[in-house]
């Protein structure tokens, strides 16, 4: 499946919150109550859009997938576990509508996220996943991300993952999108 993620904007926040609520409900039904059980409110989605860039995939008029990429390091990430990088993007959230899961959409979204990251430009994508049955760690590993460590943050077990991106040929850089890693 080929996916071309599009930037989301504030007008999409309510629909993104509904998508995230459906995913949280599904995870809770399948795996029990956990940190994944809290649905994102529209207010939370708007906050996330201020600190990162939201990208979405639509099928017709409906948003069926969303992810956030940003340069701001999430509080649960300890940089000491990761490779040395100069321009890091953090994948701080990803969700696929339950009825679209297990069809390759998540993998295709991550592949397009790499295109976005290279254009940013970034040299690595980092994330954390719940170290639990409801966590997506195995999915990220199958998509080429390398496990970098396991930690517990505020009583929540996490697995750190990283994907190093090959250097791009372009020398042009957008200084507003650069990070110190």
C-alpha atoms as a PDB file:
ATOM      1  CA  UNK A   1       0.000   0.000   0.000  1.00  0.00           C
ATOM      2  CA  UNK A   2       1.369   3.416  -0.960  1.00  0.00           C
ATOM      3  CA  UNK A   3       0.590   6.267   1.427  1.00  0.00           C
ATOM      4  CA  UNK A   4       1.229   9.976   1.123  1.00  0.00           C
ATOM      5  CA  UNK A   5       0.708  11.618   4.498  1.00  0.00           C
ATOM      6  CA  UNK A   6      -0.668  15.134   4.498  1.00  0.00           C
ATOM      7  CA  UNK A   7      -0.176  17.757   7.208  1.00  0.00           C
ATOM      8  CA  UNK A   8      -3.102  17.999   9.605  1.00  0.00           C
ATOM      9  CA  UNK A   9      -4.343  21.326  10.906  1.00  0.00           C
ATOM     10  CA  UNK A  10      -6.454  22.552  13.795  1.00  0.00           C
ATOM     11  CA  UNK A  11      -9.661  21.960  11.824  1.00  0.00           C
ATOM     12  CA  UNK A  12      -8.833  18.227  11.948  1.00  0.00           C
ATOM     13  CA  UNK A  13      -8.324  18.090  15.741  1.00  0.00           C
ATOM     14  CA  UNK A  14     -11.824  16.895  16.620  1.00  0.00           C
ATOM     15  CA  UNK A  15     -11.700  14.054  14.085  1.00  0.00           C
ATOM     16  CA  UNK A  16      -8.176  13.069  15.169  1.00  0.00           C
ATOM     17  CA  UNK A  17      -9.339  12.975  18.804  1.00  0.00           C
ATOM     18  CA  UNK A  18     -12.231  10.695  17.795  1.00  0.00           C
ATOM     19  CA  UNK A  19      -9.820   8.392  15.939  1.00  0.00           C
ATOM     20  CA  UNK A  20      -7.513   8.227  18.963  1.00  0.00           C
ATOM     21  CA  UNK A  21     -10.501   7.534  21.251  1.00  0.00           C
ATOM     22  CA  UNK A  22     -11.572   4.623  19.029  1.00  0.00           C
ATOM     23  CA  UNK A  23      -8.028   3.198  19.124  1.00  0.00           C
ATOM     24  CA  UNK A  24      -7.830   3.593  22.930  1.00  0.00           C
ATOM     25  CA  UNK A  25     -11.194   1.846  23.301  1.00  0.00           C
ATOM     26  CA  UNK A  26     -10.071  -1.023  21.064  1.00  0.00           C
ATOM     27  CA  UNK A  27      -6.760  -1.472  22.919  1.00  0.00           C
ATOM     28  CA  UNK A  28      -8.567  -1.462  26.265  1.00  0.00           C
ATOM     29  CA  UNK A  29     -11.090  -4.024  25.018  1.00  0.00           C
ATOM     30  CA  UNK A  30      -8.336  -6.272  23.642  1.00  0.00           C
ATOM     31  CA  UNK A  31      -5.668  -5.873  26.348  1.00  0.00           C
ATOM     32  CA  UNK A  32      -7.343  -4.432  29.426  1.00  0.00           C
ATOM     33  CA  UNK A  33      -6.970  -1.086  31.124  1.00  0.00           C
ATOM     34  CA  UNK A  34      -3.561   0.566  30.908  1.00  0.00           C
ATOM     35  CA  UNK A  35      -1.853   3.825  29.979  1.00  0.00           C
ATOM     36  CA  UNK A  36      -3.200   3.324  26.439  1.00  0.00           C
ATOM     37  CA  UNK A  37      -6.787   3.530  27.742  1.00  0.00           C
ATOM     38  CA  UNK A  38      -7.057   7.310  28.023  1.00  0.00           C
ATOM     39  CA  UNK A  39      -8.602   8.749  24.888  1.00  0.00           C
ATOM     40  CA  UNK A  40      -7.074  11.958  23.559  1.00  0.00           C
ATOM     41  CA  UNK A  41      -9.316  14.980  23.880  1.00  0.00           C
ATOM     42  CA  UNK A  42      -9.557  17.641  21.221  1.00  0.00           C
ATOM     43  CA  UNK A  43      -7.677  19.936  23.620  1.00  0.00           C
ATOM     44  CA  UNK A  44      -4.826  17.389  23.898  1.00  0.00           C
ATOM     45  CA  UNK A  45      -4.663  17.019  20.097  1.00  0.00           C
ATOM     46  CA  UNK A  46      -4.436  20.791  19.713  1.00  0.00           C
ATOM     47  CA  UNK A  47      -1.594  20.866  22.267  1.00  0.00           C
ATOM     48  CA  UNK A  48       0.209  18.060  20.405  1.00  0.00           C
ATOM     49  CA  UNK A  49      -0.131  20.068  17.197  1.00  0.00           C
ATOM     50  CA  UNK A  50       1.608  23.002  18.873  1.00  0.00           C
ATOM     51  CA  UNK A  51       4.652  20.960  19.949  1.00  0.00           C
ATOM     52  CA  UNK A  52       4.921  18.654  16.916  1.00  0.00           C
ATOM     53  CA  UNK A  53       3.656  18.263  13.377  1.00  0.00           C
ATOM     54  CA  UNK A  54       0.628  16.057  12.822  1.00  0.00           C
ATOM     55  CA  UNK A  55       0.304  14.139   9.571  1.00  0.00           C
ATOM     56  CA  UNK A  56      -2.752  12.213   8.481  1.00  0.00           C
ATOM     57  CA  UNK A  57      -4.075   9.788   5.932  1.00  0.00           C
ATOM     58  CA  UNK A  58      -7.625  10.040   4.642  1.00  0.00           C
ATOM     59  CA  UNK A  59      -9.849   7.550   2.919  1.00  0.00           C
ATOM     60  CA  UNK A  60     -12.430   9.709   1.223  1.00  0.00           C
ATOM     61  CA  UNK A  61     -13.276  12.392   3.758  1.00  0.00           C
ATOM     62  CA  UNK A  62     -12.475  10.266   6.817  1.00  0.00           C
ATOM     63  CA  UNK A  63      -9.129  10.368   8.638  1.00  0.00           C
ATOM     64  CA  UNK A  64      -7.984   6.744   9.002  1.00  0.00           C
ATOM     65  CA  UNK A  65      -4.413   7.250  10.201  1.00  0.00           C
ATOM     66  CA  UNK A  66      -2.430   9.891  12.029  1.00  0.00           C
ATOM     67  CA  UNK A  67       1.079  10.350  13.383  1.00  0.00           C
ATOM     68  CA  UNK A  68       3.034  13.157  14.999  1.00  0.00           C
ATOM     69  CA  UNK A  69       6.667  14.022  14.321  1.00  0.00           C
ATOM     70  CA  UNK A  70       8.555  16.735  16.152  1.00  0.00           C
ATOM     71  CA  UNK A  71      11.960  17.915  17.225  1.00  0.00           C
ATOM     72  CA  UNK A  72      11.044  18.359  20.893  1.00  0.00           C
ATOM     73  CA  UNK A  73      12.257  15.431  22.983  1.00  0.00           C
ATOM     74  CA  UNK A  74       9.402  13.804  24.910  1.00  0.00           C
ATOM     75  CA  UNK A  75       9.893  13.723  28.681  1.00  0.00           C
ATOM     76  CA  UNK A  76       9.929   9.907  28.778  1.00  0.00           C
ATOM     77  CA  UNK A  77      12.886   9.640  26.367  1.00  0.00           C
ATOM     78  CA  UNK A  78      16.416   9.361  27.767  1.00  0.00           C
ATOM     79  CA  UNK A  79      18.814  10.375  24.971  1.00  0.00           C
ATOM     80  CA  UNK A  80      21.663   8.356  26.484  1.00  0.00           C
ATOM     81  CA  UNK A  81      20.091   5.153  25.092  1.00  0.00           C
ATOM     82  CA  UNK A  82      20.296   6.292  21.481  1.00  0.00           C
ATOM     83  CA  UNK A  83      22.907   6.679  18.747  1.00  0.00           C
ATOM     84  CA  UNK A  84      24.573  10.017  18.339  1.00  0.00           C
ATOM     85  CA  UNK A  85      22.506  12.104  15.920  1.00  0.00           C
ATOM     86  CA  UNK A  86      22.439  15.766  14.994  1.00  0.00           C
ATOM     87  CA  UNK A  87      18.911  16.118  13.652  1.00  0.00           C
ATOM     88  CA  UNK A  88      16.412  13.894  15.400  1.00  0.00           C
ATOM     89  CA  UNK A  89      12.674  13.641  14.929  1.00  0.00           C
ATOM     90  CA  UNK A  90      10.539  12.044  17.600  1.00  0.00           C
ATOM     91  CA  UNK A  91       7.507   9.995  16.633  1.00  0.00           C
ATOM     92  CA  UNK A  92       5.278  10.906  19.560  1.00  0.00           C
ATOM     93  CA  UNK A  93       2.062   9.289  18.491  1.00  0.00           C
ATOM     94  CA  UNK A  94       0.642   7.056  15.815  1.00  0.00           C
ATOM     95  CA  UNK A  95      -2.834   5.644  15.367  1.00  0.00           C
ATOM     96  CA  UNK A  96      -4.679   3.733  12.677  1.00  0.00           C
ATOM     97  CA  UNK A  97      -8.473   3.456  12.760  1.00  0.00           C
ATOM     98  CA  UNK A  98      -9.372   0.016  14.169  1.00  0.00           C
ATOM     99  CA  UNK A  99     -11.250  -1.014  11.015  1.00  0.00           C
ATOM    100  CA  UNK A 100      -8.108  -0.236   8.946  1.00  0.00           C
ATOM    101  CA  UNK A 101      -5.597  -2.050  11.144  1.00  0.00           C
ATOM    102  CA  UNK A 102      -3.715  -5.120   9.865  1.00  0.00           C
ATOM    103  CA  UNK A 103      -3.935  -3.959   6.236  1.00  0.00           C
ATOM    104  CA  UNK A 104      -0.444  -2.473   5.908  1.00  0.00           C
ATOM    105  CA  UNK A 105      -1.502   1.122   6.509  1.00  0.00           C
ATOM    106  CA  UNK A 106       0.696   1.560   9.613  1.00  0.00           C
ATOM    107  CA  UNK A 107       3.769   0.239   7.809  1.00  0.00           C
ATOM    108  CA  UNK A 108       3.035   2.473   4.813  1.00  0.00           C
ATOM    109  CA  UNK A 109       2.612   5.479   7.110  1.00  0.00           C
ATOM    110  CA  UNK A 110       6.020   4.798   8.691  1.00  0.00           C
ATOM    111  CA  UNK A 111       7.593   4.533   5.241  1.00  0.00           C
ATOM    112  CA  UNK A 112       6.148   7.904   4.297  1.00  0.00           C
ATOM    113  CA  UNK A 113       7.265   9.325   7.657  1.00  0.00           C
ATOM    114  CA  UNK A 114      10.801   8.470   6.550  1.00  0.00           C
ATOM    115  CA  UNK A 115      10.271  10.546   3.393  1.00  0.00           C
ATOM    116  CA  UNK A 116       9.068  13.445   5.548  1.00  0.00           C
ATOM    117  CA  UNK A 117      12.015  13.039   7.938  1.00  0.00           C
ATOM    118  CA  UNK A 118      14.573  13.053   5.119  1.00  0.00           C
ATOM    119  CA  UNK A 119      13.044  16.239   3.705  1.00  0.00           C
ATOM    120  CA  UNK A 120      12.993  17.882   7.156  1.00  0.00           C
ATOM    121  CA  UNK A 121      16.041  17.059   7.165  1.00  0.00           C
ATOM    122  CA  UNK A 122      16.547  14.559   9.967  1.00  0.00           C
ATOM    123  CA  UNK A 123      19.052  11.775  10.437  1.00  0.00           C
ATOM    124  CA  UNK A 124      17.052   9.655  12.907  1.00  0.00           C
ATOM    125  CA  UNK A 125      13.528   8.923  14.096  1.00  0.00           C
ATOM    126  CA  UNK A 126      13.129   7.946  17.747  1.00  0.00           C
ATOM    127  CA  UNK A 127      10.122   6.739  19.715  1.00  0.00           C
ATOM    128  CA  UNK A 128       9.008   4.839  22.746  1.00  0.00           C
ATOM    129  CA  UNK A 129       6.416   2.074  22.838  1.00  0.00           C
ATOM    130  CA  UNK A 130       4.630   0.446  25.751  1.00  0.00           C
ATOM    131  CA  UNK A 131       6.427  -2.690  26.891  1.00  0.00           C
ATOM    132  CA  UNK A 132       3.148  -4.593  27.128  1.00  0.00           C
ATOM    133  CA  UNK A 133       0.861  -6.703  24.970  1.00  0.00           C
ATOM    134  CA  UNK A 134      -0.906  -3.493  23.913  1.00  0.00           C
ATOM    135  CA  UNK A 135       2.409  -1.928  22.885  1.00  0.00           C
ATOM    136  CA  UNK A 136       3.472  -1.692  19.266  1.00  0.00           C
ATOM    137  CA  UNK A 137       7.116  -2.609  19.835  1.00  0.00           C
ATOM    138  CA  UNK A 138       7.100  -5.709  17.642  1.00  0.00           C
ATOM    139  CA  UNK A 139       5.428  -3.703  14.892  1.00  0.00           C
ATOM    140  CA  UNK A 140       8.151  -1.030  14.985  1.00  0.00           C
ATOM    141  CA  UNK A 141      10.857  -3.716  14.939  1.00  0.00           C
ATOM    142  CA  UNK A 142       9.257  -5.328  11.855  1.00  0.00           C
ATOM    143  CA  UNK A 143       9.278  -1.882  10.219  1.00  0.00           C
ATOM    144  CA  UNK A 144      13.044  -1.542  10.608  1.00  0.00           C
ATOM    145  CA  UNK A 145      13.316   0.280  13.927  1.00  0.00           C
ATOM    146  CA  UNK A 146      16.016  -0.988  16.268  1.00  0.00           C
ATOM    147  CA  UNK A 147      15.374  -1.559  19.961  1.00  0.00           C
ATOM    148  CA  UNK A 148      17.664   0.736  21.949  1.00  0.00           C
ATOM    149  CA  UNK A 149      16.658  -0.028  25.523  1.00  0.00           C
ATOM    150  CA  UNK A 150      13.960  -0.723  28.051  1.00  0.00           C
ATOM    151  CA  UNK A 151      13.043   1.645  30.860  1.00  0.00           C
ATOM    152  CA  UNK A 152      10.262   2.340  33.286  1.00  0.00           C
ATOM    153  CA  UNK A 153       9.008   5.899  33.304  1.00  0.00           C
ATOM    154  CA  UNK A 154       6.484   6.855  36.003  1.00  0.00           C
ATOM    155  CA  UNK A 155       5.680   3.175  36.564  1.00  0.00           C
ATOM    156  CA  UNK A 156       5.077   2.593  32.831  1.00  0.00           C
ATOM    157  CA  UNK A 157       7.426   0.097  31.144  1.00  0.00           C
ATOM    158  CA  UNK A 158       8.670   1.402  27.794  1.00  0.00           C
ATOM    159  CA  UNK A 159      10.861   0.218  24.937  1.00  0.00           C
ATOM    160  CA  UNK A 160      12.939   2.762  23.051  1.00  0.00           C
ATOM    161  CA  UNK A 161      13.263   2.410  19.273  1.00  0.00           C
ATOM    162  CA  UNK A 162      15.339   4.225  16.704  1.00  0.00           C
ATOM    163  CA  UNK A 163      15.585   4.319  12.932  1.00  0.00           C
ATOM    164  CA  UNK A 164      18.737   5.883  11.496  1.00  0.00           C
ATOM    165  CA  UNK A 165      18.160   7.540   8.153  1.00  0.00           C
ATOM    166  CA  UNK A 166      20.790   7.490   5.433  1.00  0.00           C
ATOM    167  CA  UNK A 167      22.278  10.881   4.615  1.00  0.00           C
ATOM    168  CA  UNK A 168      20.477  12.861   1.952  1.00  0.00           C
ATOM    169  CA  UNK A 169      22.255  14.380  -1.011  1.00  0.00           C
ATOM    170  CA  UNK A 170      20.727  17.799  -0.432  1.00  0.00           C
ATOM    171  CA  UNK A 171      22.851  20.300   1.481  1.00  0.00           C
ATOM    172  CA  UNK A 172      19.891  22.594   1.985  1.00  0.00           C
ATOM    173  CA  UNK A 173      18.586  22.594   5.557  1.00  0.00           C
ATOM    174  CA  UNK A 174      15.621  24.219   7.161  1.00  0.00           C
ATOM    175  CA  UNK A 175      17.148  25.682  10.326  1.00  0.00           C
ATOM    176  CA  UNK A 176      13.736  26.067  11.951  1.00  0.00           C
ATOM    177  CA  UNK A 177      13.346  22.278  11.919  1.00  0.00           C
ATOM    178  CA  UNK A 178      16.766  21.335  13.290  1.00  0.00           C
ATOM    179  CA  UNK A 179      17.346  19.654  16.615  1.00  0.00           C
ATOM    180  CA  UNK A 180      20.406  18.993  18.698  1.00  0.00           C
ATOM    181  CA  UNK A 181      19.322  15.381  19.279  1.00  0.00           C
END
